[in-house]
Amino acid sequence: MEKEPITVNGLNKLKEELIYLKEKKRPEIVAAISEARSHGDLKENAEYHAAKEQQSHNEGRIEEINDIIARANVIDVTKFSNDGKIIFGSTVNLENLDTEENLEYKIVGKDEADLKQKLIYYKSPIGKGLIGKNKSDLVEINTPAGLKNFKINDVKYI
């Protein structure tokens, strides 16, 4: 079983989701299955089949989260001394030198990456291009959208 790095916050969110799925969602689905069963013939009971599908999806997600937690290598970036170097878990403030746009990303593991939330996978093109760099560095990163130039304005370990 290969360990996957995850931030403390990422692990906490997964644990919260697991509790929700087990303690709230699972009983709701069981109740829906029971209600649908009471309507009789299961072969043509759309409510029953929908509830069973929900149950399958829910149990699959529970299994997936348990697997992620079992493989988790939790990295608490706040325990490191901040020397301005970009590492897994650090929050990076950048300026896109091509557009003059300021961006802020947190470098995270694959199971918590979400570009809309500004959480980028450390093995993504931008993640790989930033890891190991330092505050004030100018970097050129080959992204799927082409070559991008950035200036690293700040690195936070939060």
N, C-alpha and C. Protein backbone atom coordinates (compact mmCIF):
# COMPACT_ATOMS: atom_id res chain seq x y z
N MET A 1 0.85 -1.18 0.00
CA MET A 1 0.00 0.00 0.00
C MET A 1 0.90 1.24 0.00
N GLU A 2 0.80 2.02 -1.06
CA GLU A 2 1.62 3.21 -1.20
C GLU A 2 1.00 4.37 -0.42
N LYS A 3 1.81 4.99 0.43
CA LYS A 3 1.35 6.14 1.22
C LYS A 3 1.19 7.36 0.31
N GLU A 4 0.18 8.16 0.57
CA GLU A 4 -0.08 9.39 -0.17
C GLU A 4 -0.04 10.56 0.80
N PRO A 5 0.70 11.61 0.48
CA PRO A 5 0.72 12.77 1.38
C PRO A 5 -0.63 13.48 1.38
N ILE A 6 -0.99 13.98 2.55
CA ILE A 6 -2.23 14.74 2.71
C ILE A 6 -2.00 15.77 3.80
N THR A 7 -2.65 16.92 3.68
CA THR A 7 -2.53 17.94 4.72
C THR A 7 -3.43 17.59 5.89
N VAL A 8 -3.18 18.19 7.03
CA VAL A 8 -4.01 17.99 8.22
C VAL A 8 -5.45 18.38 7.90
N ASN A 9 -5.63 19.53 7.24
CA ASN A 9 -6.96 20.00 6.88
C ASN A 9 -7.66 19.02 5.94
N GLY A 10 -6.92 18.49 4.97
CA GLY A 10 -7.48 17.52 4.04
C GLY A 10 -7.96 16.27 4.75
N LEU A 11 -7.17 15.77 5.70
CA LEU A 11 -7.55 14.59 6.47
C LEU A 11 -8.79 14.88 7.31
N ASN A 12 -8.84 16.05 7.95
CA ASN A 12 -10.00 16.41 8.77
C ASN A 12 -11.28 16.48 7.94
N LYS A 13 -11.19 17.03 6.73
CA LYS A 13 -12.37 17.10 5.86
C LYS A 13 -12.85 15.71 5.47
N LEU A 14 -11.92 14.81 5.19
CA LEU A 14 -12.30 13.44 4.85
C LEU A 14 -12.98 12.75 6.04
N LYS A 15 -12.45 12.96 7.24
CA LYS A 15 -13.05 12.36 8.43
C LYS A 15 -14.46 12.91 8.67
N GLU A 16 -14.65 14.22 8.44
CA GLU A 16 -15.98 14.82 8.58
C GLU A 16 -16.95 14.20 7.57
N GLU A 17 -16.49 14.05 6.33
CA GLU A 17 -17.34 13.45 5.30
C GLU A 17 -17.69 12.01 5.67
N LEU A 18 -16.73 11.27 6.19
CA LEU A 18 -16.96 9.88 6.58
C LEU A 18 -18.02 9.79 7.67
N ILE A 19 -17.93 10.65 8.67
CA ILE A 19 -18.92 10.67 9.75
C ILE A 19 -20.30 10.98 9.17
N TYR A 20 -20.38 11.98 8.29
CA TYR A 20 -21.66 12.34 7.67
C TYR A 20 -22.24 11.15 6.90
N LEU A 21 -21.42 10.50 6.09
CA LEU A 21 -21.91 9.39 5.28
C LEU A 21 -22.38 8.22 6.13
N LYS A 22 -21.66 7.94 7.22
CA LYS A 22 -22.01 6.80 8.07
C LYS A 22 -23.18 7.10 9.00
N GLU A 23 -23.16 8.29 9.62
CA GLU A 23 -24.13 8.58 10.67
C GLU A 23 -25.39 9.28 10.20
N LYS A 24 -25.35 9.96 9.07
CA LYS A 24 -26.54 10.67 8.58
C LYS A 24 -27.06 10.07 7.29
N LYS A 25 -26.20 9.97 6.30
CA LYS A 25 -26.64 9.53 4.97
C LYS A 25 -27.05 8.06 4.96
N ARG A 26 -26.23 7.19 5.59
CA ARG A 26 -26.54 5.76 5.60
C ARG A 26 -27.91 5.47 6.21
N PRO A 27 -28.25 6.03 7.40
CA PRO A 27 -29.58 5.77 7.96
C PRO A 27 -30.72 6.32 7.09
N GLU A 28 -30.49 7.46 6.43
CA GLU A 28 -31.50 8.01 5.52
C GLU A 28 -31.78 7.05 4.37
N ILE A 29 -30.73 6.47 3.82
CA ILE A 29 -30.87 5.55 2.70
C ILE A 29 -31.57 4.27 3.15
N VAL A 30 -31.20 3.76 4.32
CA VAL A 30 -31.84 2.55 4.85
C VAL A 30 -33.34 2.81 5.05
N ALA A 31 -33.69 3.98 5.55
CA ALA A 31 -35.10 4.33 5.73
C ALA A 31 -35.82 4.42 4.38
N ALA A 32 -35.15 4.98 3.37
CA ALA A 32 -35.74 5.09 2.03
C ALA A 32 -35.96 3.71 1.42
N ILE A 33 -35.01 2.80 1.63
CA ILE A 33 -35.16 1.42 1.12
C ILE A 33 -36.33 0.74 1.81
N SER A 34 -36.42 0.91 3.11
CA SER A 34 -37.51 0.31 3.89
C SER A 34 -38.87 0.84 3.43
N GLU A 35 -38.94 2.15 3.23
CA GLU A 35 -40.18 2.78 2.75
C GLU A 35 -40.56 2.24 1.37
N ALA A 36 -39.59 2.17 0.49
CA ALA A 36 -39.85 1.69 -0.88
C ALA A 36 -40.28 0.23 -0.87
N ARG A 37 -39.67 -0.57 0.02
CA ARG A 37 -40.04 -1.99 0.13
C ARG A 37 -41.50 -2.16 0.53
N SER A 38 -41.96 -1.25 1.36
CA SER A 38 -43.34 -1.35 1.85
C SER A 38 -44.37 -1.12 0.75
N HIS A 39 -43.91 -0.61 -0.40
CA HIS A 39 -44.82 -0.36 -1.52
C HIS A 39 -45.07 -1.59 -2.37
N GLY A 40 -44.46 -2.71 -1.99
CA GLY A 40 -44.77 -3.95 -2.71
C GLY A 40 -43.73 -4.37 -3.72
N ASP A 41 -44.19 -4.84 -4.87
CA ASP A 41 -43.37 -5.45 -5.93
C ASP A 41 -42.07 -4.67 -6.17
N LEU A 42 -40.94 -5.34 -5.92
CA LEU A 42 -39.64 -4.69 -6.04
C LEU A 42 -39.12 -4.63 -7.47
N LYS A 43 -39.63 -5.50 -8.34
CA LYS A 43 -39.15 -5.55 -9.73
C LYS A 43 -39.40 -4.25 -10.48
N GLU A 44 -40.53 -3.65 -10.23
CA GLU A 44 -40.89 -2.43 -10.95
C GLU A 44 -41.00 -1.22 -10.01
N ASN A 45 -40.28 -1.28 -8.91
CA ASN A 45 -40.33 -0.23 -7.90
C ASN A 45 -39.14 0.72 -8.10
N ALA A 46 -39.38 1.82 -8.79
CA ALA A 46 -38.31 2.77 -9.12
C ALA A 46 -37.69 3.38 -7.86
N GLU A 47 -38.51 3.66 -6.85
CA GLU A 47 -38.00 4.24 -5.60
C GLU A 47 -37.01 3.28 -4.94
N TYR A 48 -37.35 2.01 -4.93
CA TYR A 48 -36.49 1.00 -4.33
C TYR A 48 -35.15 0.93 -5.06
N HIS A 49 -35.20 0.86 -6.39
CA HIS A 49 -33.97 0.76 -7.18
C HIS A 49 -33.11 2.02 -7.04
N ALA A 50 -33.74 3.18 -6.97
CA ALA A 50 -33.00 4.43 -6.79
C ALA A 50 -32.31 4.45 -5.42
N ALA A 51 -33.02 4.01 -4.39
CA ALA A 51 -32.45 3.97 -3.04
C ALA A 51 -31.30 2.97 -2.96
N LYS A 52 -31.45 1.83 -3.63
CA LYS A 52 -30.37 0.83 -3.64
C LYS A 52 -29.14 1.37 -4.37
N GLU A 53 -29.37 2.14 -5.43
CA GLU A 53 -28.26 2.75 -6.16
C GLU A 53 -27.56 3.78 -5.28
N GLN A 54 -28.36 4.57 -4.56
CA GLN A 54 -27.78 5.54 -3.61
C GLN A 54 -26.95 4.83 -2.55
N GLN A 55 -27.48 3.71 -2.07
CA GLN A 55 -26.77 2.94 -1.05
C GLN A 55 -25.43 2.44 -1.58
N SER A 56 -25.43 1.95 -2.80
CA SER A 56 -24.21 1.45 -3.41
C SER A 56 -23.18 2.57 -3.56
N HIS A 57 -23.64 3.73 -4.01
CA HIS A 57 -22.75 4.88 -4.17
C HIS A 57 -22.19 5.32 -2.81
N ASN A 58 -23.05 5.40 -1.81
CA ASN A 58 -22.65 5.83 -0.47
C ASN A 58 -21.62 4.87 0.13
N GLU A 59 -21.90 3.57 0.04
CA GLU A 59 -20.98 2.58 0.60
C GLU A 59 -19.65 2.58 -0.15
N GLY A 60 -19.70 2.83 -1.45
CA GLY A 60 -18.48 2.92 -2.24
C GLY A 60 -17.62 4.10 -1.80
N ARG A 61 -18.27 5.22 -1.54
CA ARG A 61 -17.53 6.41 -1.09
C ARG A 61 -16.95 6.18 0.30
N ILE A 62 -17.69 5.52 1.18
CA ILE A 62 -17.18 5.20 2.52
C ILE A 62 -15.93 4.34 2.40
N GLU A 63 -15.99 3.35 1.54
CA GLU A 63 -14.84 2.46 1.32
C GLU A 63 -13.65 3.25 0.76
N GLU A 64 -13.93 4.15 -0.18
CA GLU A 64 -12.89 4.98 -0.79
C GLU A 64 -12.21 5.87 0.27
N ILE A 65 -13.01 6.51 1.12
CA ILE A 65 -12.45 7.38 2.16
C ILE A 65 -11.63 6.57 3.16
N ASN A 66 -12.13 5.40 3.54
CA ASN A 66 -11.37 4.54 4.46
C ASN A 66 -10.02 4.16 3.86
N ASP A 67 -9.99 3.89 2.56
CA ASP A 67 -8.74 3.56 1.88
C ASP A 67 -7.79 4.75 1.87
N ILE A 68 -8.32 5.94 1.57
CA ILE A 68 -7.49 7.15 1.55
C ILE A 68 -6.88 7.40 2.93
N ILE A 69 -7.69 7.26 3.97
CA ILE A 69 -7.21 7.48 5.34
C ILE A 69 -6.15 6.44 5.70
N ALA A 70 -6.35 5.19 5.29
CA ALA A 70 -5.38 4.14 5.59
C ALA A 70 -4.04 4.40 4.91
N ARG A 71 -4.07 5.02 3.73
CA ARG A 71 -2.84 5.30 2.98
C ARG A 71 -2.26 6.68 3.29
N ALA A 72 -2.92 7.44 4.13
CA ALA A 72 -2.53 8.84 4.36
C ALA A 72 -1.19 8.97 5.09
N ASN A 73 -0.37 9.84 4.55
CA ASN A 73 0.87 10.27 5.21
C ASN A 73 0.64 11.75 5.53
N VAL A 74 0.16 12.00 6.75
CA VAL A 74 -0.26 13.35 7.12
C VAL A 74 0.96 14.25 7.33
N ILE A 75 0.97 15.37 6.62
CA ILE A 75 2.06 16.33 6.72
C ILE A 75 1.50 17.64 7.27
N ASP A 76 1.99 18.00 8.45
CA ASP A 76 1.57 19.25 9.10
C ASP A 76 2.64 20.30 8.83
N VAL A 77 2.37 21.12 7.83
CA VAL A 77 3.35 22.12 7.38
C VAL A 77 3.65 23.16 8.46
N THR A 78 2.74 23.34 9.41
CA THR A 78 2.96 24.34 10.46
C THR A 78 4.09 23.91 11.41
N LYS A 79 4.49 22.66 11.36
CA LYS A 79 5.57 22.16 12.22
C LYS A 79 6.96 22.44 11.64
N PHE A 80 7.00 22.91 10.39
CA PHE A 80 8.27 23.20 9.74
C PHE A 80 8.62 24.68 9.91
N SER A 81 9.92 24.98 9.97
CA SER A 81 10.31 26.39 10.02
C SER A 81 10.25 26.94 8.60
N ASN A 82 9.64 28.08 8.46
CA ASN A 82 9.42 28.67 7.14
C ASN A 82 10.67 29.42 6.70
N ASP A 83 11.36 28.81 5.73
CA ASP A 83 12.55 29.47 5.19
C ASP A 83 12.28 30.04 3.80
N GLY A 84 10.99 30.10 3.43
CA GLY A 84 10.62 30.67 2.14
C GLY A 84 10.63 29.67 1.00
N LYS A 85 10.93 28.40 1.32
CA LYS A 85 10.97 27.36 0.29
C LYS A 85 9.58 26.73 0.14
N ILE A 86 9.19 26.47 -1.10
CA ILE A 86 7.89 25.86 -1.36
C ILE A 86 8.00 24.35 -1.16
N ILE A 87 7.17 23.84 -0.24
CA ILE A 87 7.13 22.41 0.06
C ILE A 87 5.67 21.97 0.02
N PHE A 88 5.45 20.66 0.11
CA PHE A 88 4.10 20.13 0.17
C PHE A 88 3.37 20.79 1.34
N GLY A 89 2.17 21.27 1.09
CA GLY A 89 1.35 21.89 2.13
C GLY A 89 1.50 23.39 2.26
N SER A 90 2.50 23.96 1.59
CA SER A 90 2.67 25.41 1.71
C SER A 90 1.66 26.16 0.84
N THR A 91 1.38 27.38 1.24
CA THR A 91 0.50 28.27 0.48
C THR A 91 1.39 29.28 -0.22
N VAL A 92 1.19 29.40 -1.53
CA VAL A 92 2.09 30.20 -2.35
C VAL A 92 1.32 31.35 -3.00
N ASN A 93 1.84 32.56 -2.83
CA ASN A 93 1.28 33.73 -3.51
C ASN A 93 2.17 34.03 -4.71
N LEU A 94 1.56 34.04 -5.89
CA LEU A 94 2.29 34.23 -7.15
C LEU A 94 1.75 35.39 -7.93
N GLU A 95 2.60 35.91 -8.79
CA GLU A 95 2.13 36.87 -9.79
C GLU A 95 2.39 36.23 -11.15
N ASN A 96 1.33 36.13 -11.96
CA ASN A 96 1.49 35.67 -13.33
C ASN A 96 2.07 36.86 -14.09
N LEU A 97 3.32 36.74 -14.50
CA LEU A 97 4.00 37.87 -15.14
C LEU A 97 3.45 38.18 -16.53
N ASP A 98 2.75 37.23 -17.13
CA ASP A 98 2.17 37.45 -18.46
C ASP A 98 0.88 38.28 -18.37
N THR A 99 0.11 38.07 -17.28
CA THR A 99 -1.19 38.75 -17.16
C THR A 99 -1.23 39.75 -15.99
N GLU A 100 -0.18 39.77 -15.16
CA GLU A 100 -0.10 40.58 -13.94
C GLU A 100 -1.16 40.20 -12.91
N GLU A 101 -1.72 39.00 -13.05
CA GLU A 101 -2.74 38.50 -12.12
C GLU A 101 -2.05 37.90 -10.90
N ASN A 102 -2.57 38.24 -9.70
CA ASN A 102 -2.07 37.63 -8.47
C ASN A 102 -2.87 36.38 -8.18
N LEU A 103 -2.18 35.31 -7.81
CA LEU A 103 -2.80 34.02 -7.55
C LEU A 103 -2.30 33.49 -6.22
N GLU A 104 -3.12 32.69 -5.57
CA GLU A 104 -2.67 32.03 -4.35
C GLU A 104 -3.13 30.58 -4.40
N TYR A 105 -2.19 29.67 -4.23
CA TYR A 105 -2.47 28.24 -4.26
C TYR A 105 -1.88 27.57 -3.03
N LYS A 106 -2.54 26.49 -2.63
CA LYS A 106 -1.99 25.62 -1.59
C LYS A 106 -1.60 24.32 -2.30
N ILE A 107 -0.40 23.83 -2.02
CA ILE A 107 0.12 22.61 -2.64
C ILE A 107 -0.35 21.42 -1.79
N VAL A 108 -1.14 20.52 -2.40
CA VAL A 108 -1.78 19.44 -1.65
C VAL A 108 -1.64 18.09 -2.37
N GLY A 109 -2.17 17.05 -1.73
CA GLY A 109 -2.17 15.70 -2.30
C GLY A 109 -3.31 15.52 -3.29
N LYS A 110 -3.28 14.39 -4.00
CA LYS A 110 -4.25 14.18 -5.07
C LYS A 110 -5.69 14.06 -4.58
N ASP A 111 -5.89 13.53 -3.38
CA ASP A 111 -7.25 13.32 -2.90
C ASP A 111 -7.91 14.58 -2.36
N GLU A 112 -7.15 15.67 -2.24
CA GLU A 112 -7.73 16.92 -1.78
C GLU A 112 -7.60 18.05 -2.81
N ALA A 113 -6.96 17.76 -3.93
CA ALA A 113 -6.76 18.78 -4.97
C ALA A 113 -8.10 19.23 -5.54
N ASP A 114 -8.26 20.54 -5.70
CA ASP A 114 -9.48 21.13 -6.25
C ASP A 114 -9.12 22.54 -6.73
N LEU A 115 -8.93 22.67 -8.02
CA LEU A 115 -8.47 23.94 -8.58
C LEU A 115 -9.42 25.09 -8.26
N LYS A 116 -10.73 24.82 -8.21
CA LYS A 116 -11.70 25.87 -7.88
C LYS A 116 -11.49 26.41 -6.47
N GLN A 117 -10.96 25.56 -5.60
CA GLN A 117 -10.68 25.97 -4.21
C GLN A 117 -9.23 26.43 -4.04
N LYS A 118 -8.50 26.54 -5.16
CA LYS A 118 -7.09 26.95 -5.17
C LYS A 118 -6.18 25.94 -4.48
N LEU A 119 -6.58 24.66 -4.54
CA LEU A 119 -5.79 23.57 -3.99
C LEU A 119 -5.22 22.78 -5.17
N ILE A 120 -3.90 22.85 -5.36
CA ILE A 120 -3.33 22.19 -6.53
C ILE A 120 -2.47 20.99 -6.12
N TYR A 121 -2.59 19.95 -6.92
CA TYR A 121 -1.88 18.69 -6.71
C TYR A 121 -0.38 18.92 -6.88
N TYR A 122 0.40 18.40 -5.95
CA TYR A 122 1.84 18.64 -5.99
C TYR A 122 2.52 18.00 -7.20
N LYS A 123 1.86 17.05 -7.86
CA LYS A 123 2.43 16.44 -9.07
C LYS A 123 1.85 17.03 -10.35
N SER A 124 1.00 18.05 -10.23
CA SER A 124 0.46 18.73 -11.42
C SER A 124 1.59 19.57 -12.02
N PRO A 125 1.44 20.03 -13.26
CA PRO A 125 2.50 20.85 -13.85
C PRO A 125 2.88 22.06 -12.99
N ILE A 126 1.89 22.79 -12.48
CA ILE A 126 2.20 23.96 -11.64
C ILE A 126 2.81 23.51 -10.31
N GLY A 127 2.23 22.48 -9.71
CA GLY A 127 2.77 21.96 -8.45
C GLY A 127 4.23 21.55 -8.58
N LYS A 128 4.53 20.76 -9.62
CA LYS A 128 5.91 20.32 -9.85
C LYS A 128 6.83 21.50 -10.13
N GLY A 129 6.29 22.50 -10.83
CA GLY A 129 7.10 23.67 -11.16
C GLY A 129 7.41 24.55 -9.97
N LEU A 130 6.58 24.45 -8.92
CA LEU A 130 6.77 25.30 -7.74
C LEU A 130 7.54 24.63 -6.61
N ILE A 131 7.35 23.32 -6.43
CA ILE A 131 8.01 22.61 -5.32
C ILE A 131 9.52 22.83 -5.40
N GLY A 132 10.10 23.22 -4.28
CA GLY A 132 11.54 23.42 -4.20
C GLY A 132 11.99 24.84 -4.52
N LYS A 133 11.10 25.64 -5.08
CA LYS A 133 11.45 27.04 -5.39
C LYS A 133 11.33 27.88 -4.13
N ASN A 134 11.83 29.11 -4.20
CA ASN A 134 11.86 29.99 -3.04
C ASN A 134 11.13 31.30 -3.30
N LYS A 135 10.78 31.96 -2.19
CA LYS A 135 10.19 33.30 -2.27
C LYS A 135 11.11 34.19 -3.09
N SER A 136 10.52 35.00 -3.96
CA SER A 136 11.19 35.94 -4.87
C SER A 136 11.74 35.31 -6.14
N ASP A 137 11.67 33.97 -6.26
CA ASP A 137 12.14 33.33 -7.49
C ASP A 137 11.22 33.67 -8.66
N LEU A 138 11.81 33.71 -9.84
CA LEU A 138 11.05 33.80 -11.09
C LEU A 138 11.04 32.39 -11.67
N VAL A 139 9.86 31.89 -12.02
CA VAL A 139 9.77 30.53 -12.55
C VAL A 139 9.00 30.51 -13.86
N GLU A 140 9.42 29.60 -14.72
CA GLU A 140 8.75 29.37 -16.00
C GLU A 140 8.19 27.96 -15.93
N ILE A 141 6.87 27.82 -16.09
CA ILE A 141 6.23 26.52 -15.94
C ILE A 141 5.48 26.18 -17.22
N ASN A 142 5.72 24.97 -17.69
CA ASN A 142 5.02 24.47 -18.87
C ASN A 142 3.69 23.87 -18.42
N THR A 143 2.59 24.56 -18.68
CA THR A 143 1.25 24.11 -18.28
C THR A 143 0.51 23.60 -19.52
N PRO A 144 -0.63 22.92 -19.32
CA PRO A 144 -1.42 22.50 -20.48
C PRO A 144 -1.84 23.68 -21.38
N ALA A 145 -1.93 24.88 -20.80
CA ALA A 145 -2.31 26.07 -21.57
C ALA A 145 -1.09 26.77 -22.17
N GLY A 146 0.09 26.17 -22.04
CA GLY A 146 1.30 26.77 -22.59
C GLY A 146 2.27 27.21 -21.51
N LEU A 147 3.35 27.83 -21.93
CA LEU A 147 4.39 28.29 -21.02
C LEU A 147 3.92 29.52 -20.24
N LYS A 148 4.04 29.46 -18.91
CA LYS A 148 3.63 30.57 -18.05
C LYS A 148 4.82 31.03 -17.21
N ASN A 149 4.90 32.32 -16.98
CA ASN A 149 5.96 32.91 -16.16
C ASN A 149 5.37 33.48 -14.88
N PHE A 150 5.98 33.12 -13.76
CA PHE A 150 5.48 33.55 -12.46
C PHE A 150 6.61 34.13 -11.62
N LYS A 151 6.22 35.04 -10.72
CA LYS A 151 7.11 35.51 -9.67
C LYS A 151 6.50 35.04 -8.36
N ILE A 152 7.30 34.41 -7.52
CA ILE A 152 6.82 33.93 -6.22
C ILE A 152 6.93 35.09 -5.24
N ASN A 153 5.78 35.61 -4.82
CA ASN A 153 5.74 36.76 -3.91
C ASN A 153 5.84 36.37 -2.44
N ASP A 154 5.23 35.24 -2.08
CA ASP A 154 5.22 34.85 -0.67
C ASP A 154 4.98 33.35 -0.56
N VAL A 155 5.53 32.78 0.50
CA VAL A 155 5.35 31.36 0.82
C VAL A 155 4.95 31.29 2.28
N LYS A 156 3.78 30.70 2.55
CA LYS A 156 3.30 30.59 3.93
C LYS A 156 3.14 29.12 4.30
N TYR A 157 3.46 28.81 5.53
CA TYR A 157 3.27 27.46 6.07
C TYR A 157 2.10 27.53 7.05
N ILE A 158 0.89 27.50 6.51
CA ILE A 158 -0.31 27.62 7.35
C ILE A 158 -1.22 26.42 7.19
